[in-house]
């Protein structure tokens, strides 16, 4: 007889966890919205790698990793970056809290499904392709940059410093991630345009 599981009821609460808590937002963003963006960009980065650079990356897998990459924040909340990376001690403490949140999520699953979701929630520990993980991380940063661009386009100066540091970080990452370099050159300029401009009306 099947027993009830809370896992997906918990995961669907992503939409209640808002990001950028220390910033004034013209348009609030939750981790469900952010994770969808990360998934789409991670998929695109892998496809660019496969088509243009002869790689054999699992783009579908990257997309699913993107969907789940912030799942522990359903329990921990979104800790602002300046707090999370304030010191080695705070990073270590947050890592412990995040690890405990992952344990809670996995414990809410039926036993037979736990290995599958263990590979999604702890991909680095489960032998995931390191290059795919780097592209998912790049997609995460890109999603943050897009939020900054959107806020700046709305006249919100609060995100200008974050945009500058995030863009600099991405430019460093792009030095050895040609997929990221291509995405930034080809797709980034269109962000901030109106719908009429985008579809040529």
Protein backbone atom coordinates (compact mmCIF):
# COMPACT_ATOMS: atom_id res chain seq x y z
CA UNK A 1 0.00 0.00 0.00
CA UNK A 2 1.32 3.43 -0.99
CA UNK A 3 1.95 5.96 1.75
CA UNK A 4 1.41 9.70 1.45
CA UNK A 5 4.44 11.88 0.68
CA UNK A 6 4.90 15.61 1.32
CA UNK A 7 7.76 16.16 -1.16
CA UNK A 8 5.94 17.86 -4.04
CA UNK A 9 3.68 19.84 -1.72
CA UNK A 10 6.90 21.23 -0.22
CA UNK A 11 8.57 21.84 -3.59
CA UNK A 12 5.55 23.71 -4.91
CA UNK A 13 6.10 26.25 -2.13
CA UNK A 14 9.05 27.68 -4.09
CA UNK A 15 6.72 30.41 -5.29
CA UNK A 16 6.44 31.76 -1.73
CA UNK A 17 10.18 32.32 -1.25
CA UNK A 18 11.15 35.76 -2.47
CA UNK A 19 14.66 36.66 -3.62
CA UNK A 20 16.64 39.89 -3.23
CA UNK A 21 15.38 40.54 0.31
CA UNK A 22 17.81 43.40 0.95
CA UNK A 23 16.86 45.29 -2.23
CA UNK A 24 13.93 47.45 -3.27
CA UNK A 25 12.21 45.56 -6.08
CA UNK A 26 9.90 47.05 -8.70
CA UNK A 27 8.92 43.48 -9.61
CA UNK A 28 9.31 40.84 -6.87
CA UNK A 29 10.94 37.56 -7.91
CA UNK A 30 10.44 34.22 -6.20
CA UNK A 31 12.64 31.13 -6.44
CA UNK A 32 10.14 29.30 -8.65
CA UNK A 33 10.39 32.04 -11.29
CA UNK A 34 14.16 32.19 -10.89
CA UNK A 35 14.54 28.41 -11.16
CA UNK A 36 12.54 28.30 -14.38
CA UNK A 37 14.85 30.90 -15.89
CA UNK A 38 17.94 29.01 -14.72
CA UNK A 39 16.58 25.78 -16.22
CA UNK A 40 15.94 27.37 -19.62
CA UNK A 41 19.34 29.06 -19.76
CA UNK A 42 21.21 25.96 -18.55
CA UNK A 43 19.50 23.94 -21.29
CA UNK A 44 20.49 26.56 -23.89
CA UNK A 45 24.12 26.66 -22.71
CA UNK A 46 24.41 22.88 -23.07
CA UNK A 47 22.82 22.94 -26.53
CA UNK A 48 25.27 25.66 -27.61
CA UNK A 49 28.10 23.46 -26.33
CA UNK A 50 26.81 20.43 -28.22
CA UNK A 51 26.04 22.19 -31.51
CA UNK A 52 29.01 24.56 -31.70
CA UNK A 53 31.75 22.96 -29.64
CA UNK A 54 31.25 19.24 -30.24
CA UNK A 55 30.39 18.42 -26.67
CA UNK A 56 28.06 15.66 -25.50
CA UNK A 57 26.26 17.42 -22.69
CA UNK A 58 22.89 16.30 -21.36
CA UNK A 59 20.88 19.49 -21.85
CA UNK A 60 17.70 17.97 -20.45
CA UNK A 61 19.54 16.94 -17.30
CA UNK A 62 20.96 20.45 -16.95
CA UNK A 63 17.46 21.89 -17.18
CA UNK A 64 16.19 19.63 -14.38
CA UNK A 65 19.21 20.48 -12.22
CA UNK A 66 18.34 24.13 -12.78
CA UNK A 67 14.78 23.54 -11.64
CA UNK A 68 15.94 22.03 -8.34
CA UNK A 69 19.13 24.02 -7.68
CA UNK A 70 17.51 26.29 -5.05
CA UNK A 71 15.05 23.77 -3.60
CA UNK A 72 16.67 23.83 -0.11
CA UNK A 73 15.70 27.51 0.11
CA UNK A 74 12.08 26.42 0.56
CA UNK A 75 13.20 25.50 4.09
CA UNK A 76 16.13 27.89 4.66
CA UNK A 77 14.79 30.95 2.87
CA UNK A 78 16.93 32.92 0.43
CA UNK A 79 19.92 34.14 2.40
CA UNK A 80 21.25 37.36 0.82
CA UNK A 81 24.63 36.97 -0.89
CA UNK A 82 26.45 39.52 1.32
CA UNK A 83 25.41 37.52 4.37
CA UNK A 84 26.05 34.08 2.88
CA UNK A 85 29.58 34.98 1.78
CA UNK A 86 30.47 37.35 4.62
CA UNK A 87 33.17 35.00 5.91
CA UNK A 88 34.37 31.42 5.75
CA UNK A 89 32.48 30.75 8.98
CA UNK A 90 29.17 32.00 7.61
CA UNK A 91 29.65 30.00 4.39
CA UNK A 92 30.36 26.86 6.39
CA UNK A 93 27.39 27.44 8.69
CA UNK A 94 25.05 28.04 5.76
CA UNK A 95 26.34 24.91 4.02
CA UNK A 96 25.41 22.90 7.12
CA UNK A 97 21.92 24.43 7.23
CA UNK A 98 21.45 23.79 3.50
CA UNK A 99 22.61 20.19 3.90
CA UNK A 100 20.09 19.68 6.69
CA UNK A 101 17.35 21.13 4.46
CA UNK A 102 18.26 18.66 1.72
CA UNK A 103 18.02 15.83 4.26
CA UNK A 104 14.53 17.03 5.19
CA UNK A 105 13.43 17.16 1.55
CA UNK A 106 14.76 13.68 0.84
CA UNK A 107 13.13 12.29 4.00
CA UNK A 108 9.76 13.49 2.69
CA UNK A 109 10.04 11.18 -0.33
CA UNK A 110 9.12 7.51 -0.59
CA UNK A 111 12.22 5.40 -0.01
CA UNK A 112 12.39 4.07 -3.57
CA UNK A 113 12.47 7.59 -5.10
CA UNK A 114 15.13 9.04 -2.80
CA UNK A 115 18.15 8.01 -4.91
CA UNK A 116 16.72 9.82 -7.94
CA UNK A 117 16.21 13.07 -6.06
CA UNK A 118 19.47 12.68 -4.14
CA UNK A 119 21.17 13.02 -7.54
CA UNK A 120 19.22 16.22 -8.21
CA UNK A 121 19.68 17.82 -4.80
CA UNK A 122 23.33 16.80 -4.30
CA UNK A 123 24.62 16.54 -7.88
CA UNK A 124 28.26 17.32 -7.12
CA UNK A 125 28.39 14.49 -4.57
CA UNK A 126 26.62 12.08 -6.91
CA UNK A 127 29.12 12.20 -9.79
CA UNK A 128 27.32 14.72 -12.00
CA UNK A 129 29.28 15.95 -15.05
CA UNK A 130 31.38 18.84 -13.62
CA UNK A 131 31.10 20.81 -16.84
CA UNK A 132 27.30 20.61 -16.75
CA UNK A 133 27.39 21.83 -13.15
CA UNK A 134 29.55 24.79 -14.20
CA UNK A 135 27.02 25.68 -16.89
CA UNK A 136 24.14 25.45 -14.40
CA UNK A 137 26.08 27.79 -12.11
CA UNK A 138 26.63 30.15 -15.04
CA UNK A 139 22.90 30.03 -15.79
CA UNK A 140 22.19 30.92 -12.15
CA UNK A 141 24.46 33.98 -12.44
CA UNK A 142 22.92 34.94 -15.76
CA UNK A 143 19.45 34.81 -14.26
CA UNK A 144 20.62 37.18 -11.52
CA UNK A 145 22.08 39.54 -14.12
CA UNK A 146 18.79 39.55 -16.05
CA UNK A 147 16.97 40.55 -12.88
CA UNK A 148 19.43 43.42 -12.41
CA UNK A 149 18.93 44.55 -16.02
CA UNK A 150 15.16 44.44 -15.60
CA UNK A 151 15.25 46.49 -12.41
CA UNK A 152 17.65 49.05 -13.87
CA UNK A 153 15.39 49.35 -16.92
CA UNK A 154 12.53 50.15 -14.56
CA UNK A 155 14.52 53.04 -13.10
CA UNK A 156 15.52 51.21 -9.92
CA UNK A 157 19.08 52.22 -9.05
CA UNK A 158 19.25 49.71 -6.16
CA UNK A 159 20.45 46.98 -8.52
CA UNK A 160 23.24 48.88 -10.31
CA UNK A 161 26.01 47.73 -8.01
CA UNK A 162 24.75 44.12 -8.15
CA UNK A 163 24.60 44.33 -11.95
CA UNK A 164 28.20 45.53 -12.15
CA UNK A 165 29.61 42.80 -9.88
CA UNK A 166 27.47 40.05 -11.44
CA UNK A 167 28.48 41.05 -14.97
CA UNK A 168 32.16 41.08 -13.97
CA UNK A 169 31.81 37.62 -12.44
CA UNK A 170 30.16 36.30 -15.62
CA UNK A 171 32.86 37.79 -17.82
CA UNK A 172 35.46 35.94 -15.76
CA UNK A 173 33.48 32.68 -16.01
CA UNK A 174 33.09 33.15 -19.77
CA UNK A 175 36.85 33.07 -20.29
CA UNK A 176 36.76 29.28 -20.23
CA UNK A 177 33.06 28.68 -20.89
CA UNK A 178 32.57 29.51 -24.58
CA UNK A 179 28.89 28.61 -24.32
CA UNK A 180 28.42 31.40 -21.79
CA UNK A 181 30.42 33.82 -23.93
CA UNK A 182 28.19 33.06 -26.92
CA UNK A 183 24.98 33.44 -24.94
CA UNK A 184 26.07 36.79 -23.56
CA UNK A 185 27.06 38.06 -27.01
CA UNK A 186 23.97 36.85 -28.86
CA UNK A 187 21.08 36.80 -26.42
CA UNK A 188 21.88 39.24 -23.62
CA UNK A 189 21.52 42.47 -25.68
CA UNK A 190 17.80 41.84 -26.28
CA UNK A 191 16.94 41.83 -22.58
CA UNK A 192 15.35 45.08 -21.51
CA UNK A 193 13.65 45.58 -24.88
CA UNK A 194 9.90 46.02 -25.12
CA UNK A 195 7.71 43.24 -26.54
CA UNK A 196 7.04 45.35 -29.66
CA UNK A 197 10.79 45.73 -30.18
CA UNK A 198 11.39 42.02 -29.63
CA UNK A 199 8.76 40.76 -32.07
CA UNK A 200 9.27 43.55 -34.62
CA UNK A 201 5.86 45.16 -34.42
